[in-house]
Amino acid sequence: SISAVREVIERLDKKIQDSGAKADAGRGAAWGGVPSLGDAGVSHSEIDAILRQIGESHGIKLGDLVQPMRLCVTGRMVSASLFEVLELLPWDVCSERLKKVATL
């Protein structure tokens, strides 16, 4: 559901904002201008819990929420765990990719 993806973006954006984590000055613009969720202190298990909670509140099975998000973020149907990918990649890269789906 598009509204579930929008809620994921909003909740994880807030995690970045609340953390006060700073971008790595050596990081190039192509790799993102803000820290990753991991840099902001958000673990893959916390991301898992957030996505499960959002899925439940929207009546969506976790797999039905995660699989389209994985495709959007990684460009592949099979990849490392989405929770770990979201933890490691710069959040602005992930959020921009997810926003493309959320505007459909």
Protein backbone atom coordinates (compact mmCIF):
# COMPACT_ATOMS: atom_id res chain seq x y z
CA SER A 1 0.00 0.00 0.00
CA ILE A 2 1.28 3.41 -0.95
CA SER A 3 0.09 4.92 2.32
CA ALA A 4 2.13 2.35 4.25
CA VAL A 5 5.28 3.27 2.30
CA ARG A 6 4.59 6.95 2.97
CA GLU A 7 4.34 6.18 6.68
CA VAL A 8 7.63 4.25 6.55
CA ILE A 9 9.33 7.26 4.95
CA GLU A 10 7.86 9.67 7.52
CA ARG A 11 8.80 7.51 10.52
CA LEU A 12 12.35 6.86 9.32
CA ASP A 13 12.83 10.53 8.31
CA LYS A 14 11.91 11.43 11.88
CA LYS A 15 14.48 8.95 13.23
CA ILE A 16 17.21 10.68 11.19
CA GLN A 17 16.06 14.16 12.25
CA ASP A 18 15.78 13.21 15.92
CA SER A 19 19.21 11.58 15.99
CA GLY A 20 21.20 14.69 15.16
CA ALA A 21 23.61 12.44 13.21
CA LYS A 22 25.83 14.34 10.80
CA ALA A 23 26.72 13.38 7.24
CA ASP A 24 30.22 12.15 6.55
CA ALA A 25 32.05 15.13 5.02
CA GLY A 26 34.09 12.79 2.80
CA ARG A 27 31.00 11.26 1.28
CA GLY A 28 30.33 12.36 -2.30
CA ALA A 29 26.99 13.79 -3.35
CA ALA A 30 26.35 10.70 -5.48
CA TRP A 31 26.44 8.58 -2.34
CA GLY A 32 24.07 10.68 -0.29
CA GLY A 33 24.23 13.79 1.78
CA VAL A 34 22.81 12.53 5.06
CA PRO A 35 23.81 9.68 7.36
CA SER A 36 22.44 6.18 7.16
CA LEU A 37 19.87 4.97 9.64
CA GLY A 38 22.67 2.95 11.24
CA ASP A 39 24.71 6.14 11.67
CA ALA A 40 21.65 7.60 13.39
CA GLY A 41 21.57 4.69 15.83
CA VAL A 42 18.68 2.81 14.20
CA SER A 43 19.41 -0.93 13.99
CA HIS A 44 18.05 -3.36 11.43
CA SER A 45 15.99 -4.99 14.20
CA GLU A 46 14.39 -1.62 14.98
CA ILE A 47 13.67 -1.07 11.27
CA ASP A 48 12.13 -4.57 11.17
CA ALA A 49 9.90 -3.70 14.14
CA ILE A 50 8.81 -0.40 12.58
CA LEU A 51 7.92 -2.04 9.26
CA ARG A 52 6.04 -4.86 11.02
CA GLN A 53 4.05 -2.31 13.05
CA ILE A 54 3.21 -0.24 9.97
CA GLY A 55 2.25 -3.35 8.00
CA GLU A 56 -0.06 -4.51 10.79
CA SER A 57 -1.68 -1.09 11.12
CA HIS A 58 -2.38 -1.05 7.36
CA GLY A 59 -3.47 -4.70 7.22
CA ILE A 60 -0.49 -5.70 5.04
CA LYS A 61 1.66 -8.79 5.46
CA LEU A 62 5.31 -7.94 6.07
CA GLY A 63 6.44 -9.60 2.83
CA ASP A 64 3.89 -7.66 0.82
CA LEU A 65 5.28 -4.42 2.22
CA VAL A 66 8.98 -5.31 2.16
CA GLN A 67 9.28 -6.89 -1.30
CA PRO A 68 8.21 -3.81 -3.32
CA MET A 69 10.36 -1.62 -1.06
CA ARG A 70 13.36 -3.92 -1.65
CA LEU A 71 12.86 -3.67 -5.42
CA CYS A 72 12.61 0.10 -5.18
CA VAL A 73 15.67 0.58 -2.95
CA THR A 74 17.99 -2.03 -4.50
CA GLY A 75 16.61 -2.47 -8.01
CA ARG A 76 16.45 -6.22 -7.41
CA MET A 77 13.86 -8.73 -6.22
CA VAL A 78 16.56 -10.67 -4.38
CA SER A 79 19.07 -8.84 -2.21
CA ALA A 80 20.40 -8.62 1.28
CA SER A 81 17.79 -8.08 3.97
CA LEU A 82 15.91 -4.83 3.34
CA PHE A 83 16.31 -4.00 7.02
CA GLU A 84 20.10 -4.23 6.71
CA VAL A 85 20.16 -2.32 3.42
CA LEU A 86 18.12 0.50 4.97
CA GLU A 87 20.47 0.51 7.96
CA LEU A 88 23.61 0.85 5.81
CA LEU A 89 22.75 3.05 2.80
CA PRO A 90 22.54 6.82 3.23
CA TRP A 91 18.96 7.62 4.17
CA ASP A 92 18.51 10.32 1.53
CA VAL A 93 19.33 7.78 -1.19
CA CYS A 94 16.80 5.29 0.23
CA SER A 95 14.09 7.85 0.90
CA GLU A 96 14.30 9.36 -2.59
CA ARG A 97 13.91 5.91 -4.12
CA LEU A 98 10.98 5.10 -1.84
CA LYS A 99 9.31 8.45 -2.55
CA LYS A 100 9.10 7.48 -6.24
CA VAL A 101 6.87 4.58 -5.25
CA ALA A 102 4.91 6.60 -2.70
CA THR A 103 3.83 9.12 -5.36
CA LEU A 104 2.20 6.53 -7.63
